[in-house]
Amino acid sequence: MILYLDTSAFVPTLIEEPTSQLCGRLWDGADRLVTARLTYVEAAAALAMAERLDRISSEIHADAVGRLTEIWSEFDVVEFDEQLMVMAAEAAHRHRLRGYDAVHCAAASRIAGDGVVAASGDGRLLDAWWSEENRRCRHECRAGG
């Protein structure tokens, strides 16, 4: 299985959250891990926010940031190039997504195909990704692909 994780599915692998066990099982079951370059920055920001809000201690924050840096190399990273920028802008409009969610939608759509699972804690983002998948499949069927 190829697993695309957005930030909300990645952070629970770094710190204890209600979805940590589920995200961990998905991670462990994946043959390939994929995310957008944006995820690193979003994860670091989420960890910093958790510390500021006293959801995690400074020690847990430091450990989580160390783990983020350590395991980042396990990801195949979708780069934010011009094509992804355009895809994300279109997805933002089509699905009424925030900018960073549109980037994740476009990045997951870029690697879409059999055996790809997209993980997110955001139902709206998952709905958008599903819609993009159906749109792509309809286009390929009409084109004879």
N, C-alpha and C. Protein backbone atom coordinates (compact mmCIF):
# COMPACT_ATOMS: atom_id res chain seq x y z
N MET A 1 0.84 -1.17 0.00
CA MET A 1 0.00 0.00 0.00
C MET A 1 0.89 1.24 0.00
N ILE A 2 0.52 2.21 -0.81
CA ILE A 2 1.14 3.52 -0.81
C ILE A 2 0.27 4.41 0.06
N LEU A 3 0.87 5.02 1.07
CA LEU A 3 0.13 5.84 2.02
C LEU A 3 0.52 7.30 1.89
N TYR A 4 -0.46 8.14 1.53
CA TYR A 4 -0.25 9.58 1.54
C TYR A 4 -0.78 10.10 2.86
N LEU A 5 0.07 10.78 3.61
CA LEU A 5 -0.34 11.37 4.89
C LEU A 5 -0.31 12.88 4.78
N ASP A 6 -1.41 13.52 5.19
CA ASP A 6 -1.34 14.96 5.37
C ASP A 6 -0.83 15.18 6.79
N THR A 7 -0.70 16.42 7.18
CA THR A 7 -0.11 16.74 8.48
C THR A 7 -0.93 16.19 9.63
N SER A 8 -2.26 16.24 9.51
CA SER A 8 -3.11 15.77 10.61
C SER A 8 -3.02 14.27 10.81
N ALA A 9 -2.55 13.54 9.82
CA ALA A 9 -2.34 12.09 9.96
C ALA A 9 -0.89 11.77 10.34
N PHE A 10 0.01 12.72 10.12
CA PHE A 10 1.41 12.51 10.45
C PHE A 10 1.72 12.88 11.90
N VAL A 11 1.21 14.01 12.37
CA VAL A 11 1.52 14.48 13.72
C VAL A 11 1.18 13.43 14.79
N PRO A 12 0.07 12.69 14.66
CA PRO A 12 -0.21 11.66 15.68
C PRO A 12 0.81 10.52 15.73
N THR A 13 1.68 10.44 14.74
CA THR A 13 2.77 9.46 14.82
C THR A 13 3.95 10.02 15.61
N LEU A 14 3.91 11.33 15.88
CA LEU A 14 5.00 12.00 16.59
C LEU A 14 4.68 12.25 18.06
N ILE A 15 3.42 12.53 18.36
CA ILE A 15 2.97 12.78 19.74
C ILE A 15 1.66 12.02 19.96
N GLU A 16 1.36 11.80 21.20
CA GLU A 16 0.14 11.05 21.55
C GLU A 16 -1.10 11.91 21.30
N GLU A 17 -1.95 11.40 20.44
CA GLU A 17 -3.23 12.04 20.12
C GLU A 17 -4.28 10.94 20.01
N PRO A 18 -5.56 11.30 19.99
CA PRO A 18 -6.61 10.27 19.92
C PRO A 18 -6.47 9.31 18.73
N THR A 19 -5.91 9.79 17.62
CA THR A 19 -5.78 8.94 16.43
C THR A 19 -4.40 8.30 16.28
N SER A 20 -3.56 8.39 17.30
CA SER A 20 -2.18 7.89 17.19
C SER A 20 -2.11 6.41 16.84
N GLN A 21 -2.94 5.58 17.47
CA GLN A 21 -2.89 4.14 17.18
C GLN A 21 -3.29 3.85 15.74
N LEU A 22 -4.36 4.48 15.27
CA LEU A 22 -4.80 4.26 13.89
C LEU A 22 -3.74 4.74 12.90
N CYS A 23 -3.22 5.93 13.11
CA CYS A 23 -2.18 6.45 12.22
C CYS A 23 -0.94 5.57 12.25
N GLY A 24 -0.60 5.06 13.42
CA GLY A 24 0.54 4.15 13.54
C GLY A 24 0.33 2.85 12.77
N ARG A 25 -0.89 2.32 12.84
CA ARG A 25 -1.19 1.08 12.09
C ARG A 25 -1.10 1.33 10.58
N LEU A 26 -1.63 2.46 10.12
CA LEU A 26 -1.53 2.79 8.70
C LEU A 26 -0.06 2.92 8.29
N TRP A 27 0.72 3.62 9.11
CA TRP A 27 2.14 3.80 8.85
C TRP A 27 2.84 2.44 8.74
N ASP A 28 2.59 1.58 9.72
CA ASP A 28 3.24 0.27 9.76
C ASP A 28 2.84 -0.61 8.58
N GLY A 29 1.62 -0.43 8.07
CA GLY A 29 1.14 -1.25 6.97
C GLY A 29 1.53 -0.75 5.59
N ALA A 30 2.15 0.41 5.54
CA ALA A 30 2.49 1.01 4.25
C ALA A 30 3.78 0.44 3.68
N ASP A 31 3.77 0.24 2.37
CA ASP A 31 4.99 -0.14 1.65
C ASP A 31 5.77 1.10 1.24
N ARG A 32 5.05 2.19 1.08
CA ARG A 32 5.65 3.46 0.66
C ARG A 32 4.90 4.59 1.34
N LEU A 33 5.62 5.56 1.89
CA LEU A 33 5.04 6.72 2.55
C LEU A 33 5.28 7.95 1.68
N VAL A 34 4.21 8.72 1.48
CA VAL A 34 4.30 9.90 0.63
C VAL A 34 3.62 11.07 1.33
N THR A 35 4.19 12.24 1.16
CA THR A 35 3.57 13.47 1.65
C THR A 35 4.12 14.64 0.85
N ALA A 36 3.51 15.80 1.04
CA ALA A 36 3.99 17.03 0.39
C ALA A 36 5.10 17.65 1.23
N ARG A 37 5.98 18.39 0.60
CA ARG A 37 7.06 19.09 1.31
C ARG A 37 6.50 19.97 2.42
N LEU A 38 5.32 20.53 2.20
CA LEU A 38 4.63 21.39 3.17
C LEU A 38 4.44 20.72 4.53
N THR A 39 4.32 19.41 4.55
CA THR A 39 4.03 18.68 5.78
C THR A 39 5.08 18.89 6.86
N TYR A 40 6.34 18.99 6.46
CA TYR A 40 7.40 19.18 7.45
C TYR A 40 7.19 20.47 8.23
N VAL A 41 6.92 21.55 7.51
CA VAL A 41 6.71 22.85 8.15
C VAL A 41 5.44 22.83 8.99
N GLU A 42 4.37 22.27 8.45
CA GLU A 42 3.11 22.20 9.20
C GLU A 42 3.27 21.36 10.47
N ALA A 43 3.99 20.26 10.37
CA ALA A 43 4.19 19.40 11.56
C ALA A 43 5.00 20.14 12.62
N ALA A 44 6.07 20.80 12.21
CA ALA A 44 6.87 21.57 13.16
C ALA A 44 6.03 22.66 13.82
N ALA A 45 5.19 23.32 13.05
CA ALA A 45 4.32 24.37 13.60
C ALA A 45 3.29 23.78 14.56
N ALA A 46 2.73 22.63 14.21
CA ALA A 46 1.74 21.98 15.08
C ALA A 46 2.37 21.56 16.40
N LEU A 47 3.59 21.06 16.34
CA LEU A 47 4.29 20.66 17.57
C LEU A 47 4.59 21.88 18.44
N ALA A 48 5.01 22.97 17.82
CA ALA A 48 5.29 24.20 18.56
C ALA A 48 4.01 24.73 19.21
N MET A 49 2.90 24.67 18.48
CA MET A 49 1.62 25.13 19.02
C MET A 49 1.18 24.26 20.19
N ALA A 50 1.37 22.96 20.07
CA ALA A 50 1.00 22.05 21.17
C ALA A 50 1.81 22.38 22.42
N GLU A 51 3.07 22.74 22.23
CA GLU A 51 3.88 23.11 23.39
C GLU A 51 3.41 24.45 23.97
N ARG A 52 3.15 25.43 23.12
CA ARG A 52 2.69 26.73 23.60
C ARG A 52 1.38 26.63 24.38
N LEU A 53 0.51 25.72 23.93
CA LEU A 53 -0.79 25.53 24.59
C LEU A 53 -0.71 24.56 25.77
N ASP A 54 0.49 24.14 26.11
CA ASP A 54 0.72 23.20 27.21
C ASP A 54 0.03 21.85 27.01
N ARG A 55 -0.17 21.47 25.76
CA ARG A 55 -0.69 20.12 25.47
C ARG A 55 0.43 19.10 25.58
N ILE A 56 1.67 19.56 25.32
CA ILE A 56 2.84 18.71 25.48
C ILE A 56 3.91 19.51 26.22
N SER A 57 4.79 18.80 26.88
CA SER A 57 5.89 19.44 27.60
C SER A 57 7.01 19.83 26.63
N SER A 58 7.93 20.63 27.12
CA SER A 58 9.10 21.00 26.31
C SER A 58 9.92 19.77 25.94
N GLU A 59 9.99 18.82 26.87
CA GLU A 59 10.74 17.59 26.61
C GLU A 59 10.06 16.76 25.50
N ILE A 60 8.76 16.61 25.59
CA ILE A 60 8.04 15.87 24.54
C ILE A 60 8.18 16.60 23.21
N HIS A 61 8.10 17.93 23.24
CA HIS A 61 8.28 18.71 22.01
C HIS A 61 9.64 18.42 21.38
N ALA A 62 10.68 18.50 22.18
CA ALA A 62 12.03 18.25 21.67
C ALA A 62 12.16 16.84 21.10
N ASP A 63 11.60 15.86 21.80
CA ASP A 63 11.64 14.47 21.30
C ASP A 63 10.89 14.35 19.97
N ALA A 64 9.73 14.99 19.88
CA ALA A 64 8.91 14.91 18.67
C ALA A 64 9.60 15.58 17.49
N VAL A 65 10.23 16.72 17.72
CA VAL A 65 10.96 17.40 16.66
C VAL A 65 12.14 16.54 16.21
N GLY A 66 12.80 15.91 17.15
CA GLY A 66 13.89 14.99 16.79
C GLY A 66 13.38 13.83 15.95
N ARG A 67 12.24 13.29 16.34
CA ARG A 67 11.65 12.18 15.56
C ARG A 67 11.23 12.66 14.18
N LEU A 68 10.65 13.86 14.09
CA LEU A 68 10.27 14.43 12.79
C LEU A 68 11.49 14.48 11.88
N THR A 69 12.57 15.01 12.37
CA THR A 69 13.80 15.12 11.57
C THR A 69 14.34 13.74 11.21
N GLU A 70 14.28 12.82 12.15
CA GLU A 70 14.82 11.48 11.95
C GLU A 70 14.03 10.69 10.90
N ILE A 71 12.71 10.74 10.96
CA ILE A 71 11.91 9.88 10.07
C ILE A 71 11.51 10.56 8.76
N TRP A 72 11.81 11.84 8.62
CA TRP A 72 11.42 12.55 7.40
C TRP A 72 11.98 11.85 6.15
N SER A 73 13.17 11.28 6.26
CA SER A 73 13.79 10.63 5.11
C SER A 73 13.03 9.38 4.66
N GLU A 74 12.09 8.89 5.48
CA GLU A 74 11.30 7.73 5.08
C GLU A 74 10.22 8.09 4.05
N PHE A 75 9.95 9.38 3.91
CA PHE A 75 8.92 9.82 2.97
C PHE A 75 9.46 10.01 1.56
N ASP A 76 8.64 9.65 0.59
CA ASP A 76 8.82 10.16 -0.76
C ASP A 76 8.06 11.47 -0.76
N VAL A 77 8.75 12.56 -1.07
CA VAL A 77 8.18 13.89 -0.93
C VAL A 77 7.70 14.41 -2.28
N VAL A 78 6.45 14.88 -2.30
CA VAL A 78 5.89 15.53 -3.48
C VAL A 78 6.30 17.00 -3.39
N GLU A 79 7.06 17.44 -4.38
CA GLU A 79 7.57 18.81 -4.38
C GLU A 79 6.50 19.78 -4.86
N PHE A 80 6.59 21.00 -4.36
CA PHE A 80 5.67 22.05 -4.76
C PHE A 80 6.24 22.75 -5.99
N ASP A 81 5.90 22.19 -7.15
CA ASP A 81 6.36 22.78 -8.40
C ASP A 81 5.20 23.53 -9.06
N GLU A 82 5.42 24.03 -10.25
CA GLU A 82 4.38 24.83 -10.91
C GLU A 82 3.12 24.02 -11.20
N GLN A 83 3.28 22.76 -11.61
CA GLN A 83 2.12 21.92 -11.89
C GLN A 83 1.30 21.69 -10.62
N LEU A 84 1.96 21.40 -9.51
CA LEU A 84 1.24 21.19 -8.26
C LEU A 84 0.56 22.49 -7.81
N MET A 85 1.22 23.61 -8.03
CA MET A 85 0.65 24.90 -7.68
C MET A 85 -0.68 25.12 -8.41
N VAL A 86 -0.69 24.84 -9.70
CA VAL A 86 -1.90 25.02 -10.49
C VAL A 86 -2.98 24.02 -10.06
N MET A 87 -2.58 22.77 -9.87
CA MET A 87 -3.54 21.76 -9.41
C MET A 87 -4.16 22.15 -8.07
N ALA A 88 -3.33 22.65 -7.15
CA ALA A 88 -3.81 23.05 -5.83
C ALA A 88 -4.75 24.25 -5.93
N ALA A 89 -4.41 25.21 -6.77
CA ALA A 89 -5.27 26.38 -6.95
C ALA A 89 -6.63 25.98 -7.49
N GLU A 90 -6.63 25.06 -8.44
CA GLU A 90 -7.90 24.58 -9.01
C GLU A 90 -8.69 23.80 -7.96
N ALA A 91 -8.01 22.98 -7.17
CA ALA A 91 -8.68 22.20 -6.13
C ALA A 91 -9.25 23.13 -5.05
N ALA A 92 -8.52 24.18 -4.72
CA ALA A 92 -9.01 25.14 -3.72
C ALA A 92 -10.33 25.75 -4.17
N HIS A 93 -10.40 26.09 -5.43
CA HIS A 93 -11.63 26.68 -5.96
C HIS A 93 -12.74 25.65 -6.06
N ARG A 94 -12.42 24.52 -6.65
CA ARG A 94 -13.42 23.48 -6.91
C ARG A 94 -14.03 22.93 -5.62
N HIS A 95 -13.21 22.80 -4.56
CA HIS A 95 -13.67 22.15 -3.33
C HIS A 95 -13.74 23.08 -2.13
N ARG A 96 -13.49 24.37 -2.38
CA ARG A 96 -13.54 25.36 -1.29
C ARG A 96 -12.58 25.01 -0.16
N LEU A 97 -11.35 24.67 -0.53
CA LEU A 97 -10.34 24.27 0.44
C LEU A 97 -9.45 25.44 0.82
N ARG A 98 -8.90 25.37 2.03
CA ARG A 98 -7.85 26.31 2.43
C ARG A 98 -6.60 25.97 1.62
N GLY A 99 -5.69 26.91 1.53
CA GLY A 99 -4.51 26.74 0.69
C GLY A 99 -3.72 25.48 0.98
N TYR A 100 -3.39 25.25 2.25
CA TYR A 100 -2.56 24.09 2.57
C TYR A 100 -3.32 22.78 2.33
N ASP A 101 -4.64 22.78 2.56
CA ASP A 101 -5.43 21.57 2.27
C ASP A 101 -5.47 21.32 0.77
N ALA A 102 -5.54 22.39 -0.01
CA ALA A 102 -5.54 22.24 -1.47
C ALA A 102 -4.21 21.65 -1.95
N VAL A 103 -3.11 22.03 -1.31
CA VAL A 103 -1.80 21.46 -1.67
C VAL A 103 -1.80 19.97 -1.37
N HIS A 104 -2.31 19.57 -0.21
CA HIS A 104 -2.36 18.14 0.11
C HIS A 104 -3.29 17.39 -0.86
N CYS A 105 -4.41 17.99 -1.20
CA CYS A 105 -5.33 17.35 -2.15
C CYS A 105 -4.64 17.12 -3.49
N ALA A 106 -3.97 18.15 -3.98
CA ALA A 106 -3.28 18.04 -5.26
C ALA A 106 -2.12 17.04 -5.20
N ALA A 107 -1.38 17.06 -4.10
CA ALA A 107 -0.24 16.14 -3.96
C ALA A 107 -0.71 14.69 -3.91
N ALA A 108 -1.77 14.42 -3.14
CA ALA A 108 -2.31 13.06 -3.08
C ALA A 108 -2.86 12.65 -4.44
N SER A 109 -3.49 13.59 -5.13
CA SER A 109 -4.04 13.29 -6.46
C SER A 109 -2.92 12.99 -7.46
N ARG A 110 -1.79 13.64 -7.29
CA ARG A 110 -0.67 13.43 -8.21
C ARG A 110 -0.18 11.99 -8.17
N ILE A 111 -0.24 11.34 -7.03
CA ILE A 111 0.26 9.96 -6.92
C ILE A 111 -0.86 8.94 -6.96
N ALA A 112 -2.07 9.38 -7.21
CA ALA A 112 -3.24 8.52 -7.15
C ALA A 112 -3.14 7.31 -8.07
N GLY A 113 -3.84 6.28 -7.68
CA GLY A 113 -3.90 5.06 -8.46
C GLY A 113 -4.22 3.89 -7.55
N ASP A 114 -4.17 2.70 -8.10
CA ASP A 114 -4.45 1.51 -7.31
C ASP A 114 -3.43 1.39 -6.18
N GLY A 115 -3.92 1.03 -5.03
CA GLY A 115 -3.05 0.81 -3.89
C GLY A 115 -2.67 2.06 -3.13
N VAL A 116 -3.23 3.22 -3.49
CA VAL A 116 -2.93 4.46 -2.79
C VAL A 116 -4.04 4.75 -1.78
N VAL A 117 -3.63 5.02 -0.56
CA VAL A 117 -4.55 5.39 0.51
C VAL A 117 -4.15 6.77 0.99
N ALA A 118 -5.11 7.69 1.06
CA ALA A 118 -4.84 9.02 1.59
C ALA A 118 -5.38 9.08 3.01
N ALA A 119 -4.55 9.54 3.94
CA ALA A 119 -4.95 9.63 5.34
C ALA A 119 -4.95 11.09 5.78
N SER A 120 -6.04 11.46 6.42
CA SER A 120 -6.19 12.82 6.95
C SER A 120 -7.22 12.79 8.06
N GLY A 121 -7.09 13.70 8.99
CA GLY A 121 -8.10 13.87 10.02
C GLY A 121 -9.19 14.84 9.59
N ASP A 122 -9.09 15.35 8.37
CA ASP A 122 -10.01 16.36 7.85
C ASP A 122 -10.94 15.72 6.82
N GLY A 123 -12.19 15.53 7.22
CA GLY A 123 -13.16 14.89 6.33
C GLY A 123 -13.37 15.66 5.04
N ARG A 124 -13.34 16.97 5.12
CA ARG A 124 -13.53 17.78 3.91
C ARG A 124 -12.40 17.54 2.91
N LEU A 125 -11.19 17.44 3.42
CA LEU A 125 -10.05 17.17 2.55
C LEU A 125 -10.17 15.78 1.92
N LEU A 126 -10.56 14.79 2.71
CA LEU A 126 -10.75 13.44 2.16
C LEU A 126 -11.85 13.41 1.11
N ASP A 127 -12.94 14.13 1.35
CA ASP A 127 -14.01 14.22 0.36
C ASP A 127 -13.50 14.85 -0.94
N ALA A 128 -12.69 15.89 -0.81
CA ALA A 128 -12.14 16.55 -2.00
C ALA A 128 -11.22 15.60 -2.76
N TRP A 129 -10.38 14.87 -2.02
CA TRP A 129 -9.48 13.94 -2.68
C TRP A 129 -10.27 12.84 -3.39
N TRP A 130 -11.30 12.34 -2.75
CA TRP A 130 -12.15 11.32 -3.36
C TRP A 130 -12.81 11.86 -4.63
N SER A 131 -13.29 13.08 -4.55
CA SER A 131 -13.91 13.71 -5.71
C SER A 131 -12.90 13.86 -6.85
N GLU A 132 -11.68 14.26 -6.53
CA GLU A 132 -10.64 14.39 -7.54
C GLU A 132 -10.34 13.03 -8.18
N GLU A 133 -10.32 11.98 -7.36
CA GLU A 133 -10.08 10.64 -7.88
C GLU A 133 -11.18 10.23 -8.86
N ASN A 134 -12.43 10.46 -8.49
CA ASN A 134 -13.55 10.13 -9.38
C ASN A 134 -13.50 10.95 -10.65
N ARG A 135 -13.13 12.21 -10.53
CA ARG A 135 -13.01 13.10 -11.69
C ARG A 135 -11.92 12.58 -12.63
N ARG A 136 -10.78 12.19 -12.06
CA ARG A 136 -9.67 11.66 -12.86
C ARG A 136 -10.08 10.38 -13.57
N CYS A 137 -10.77 9.49 -12.85
CA CYS A 137 -11.19 8.22 -13.43
C CYS A 137 -12.18 8.44 -14.58
N ARG A 138 -13.11 9.36 -14.39
CA ARG A 138 -14.07 9.66 -15.45
C ARG A 138 -13.35 10.21 -16.68
N HIS A 139 -12.37 11.07 -16.45
CA HIS A 139 -11.61 11.66 -17.56
C HIS A 139 -10.84 10.58 -18.31
N GLU A 140 -10.19 9.67 -17.58
CA GLU A 140 -9.43 8.59 -18.21
C GLU A 140 -10.34 7.65 -18.98
N CYS A 141 -11.52 7.37 -18.45
CA CYS A 141 -12.44 6.48 -19.15
C CYS A 141 -12.91 7.11 -20.46
N ARG A 142 -13.22 8.40 -20.43
CA ARG A 142 -13.66 9.10 -21.64
C ARG A 142 -12.52 9.18 -22.66
N ALA A 143 -11.29 9.29 -22.18
CA ALA A 143 -10.14 9.41 -23.07
C ALA A 143 -9.67 8.05 -23.57
N GLY A 144 -10.28 7.00 -23.04
CA GLY A 144 -9.90 5.65 -23.46
C GLY A 144 -8.71 5.11 -22.74
N GLY A 145 -8.34 5.75 -21.58
CA GLY A 145 -7.16 5.33 -20.81
C GLY A 145 -7.50 4.44 -19.77
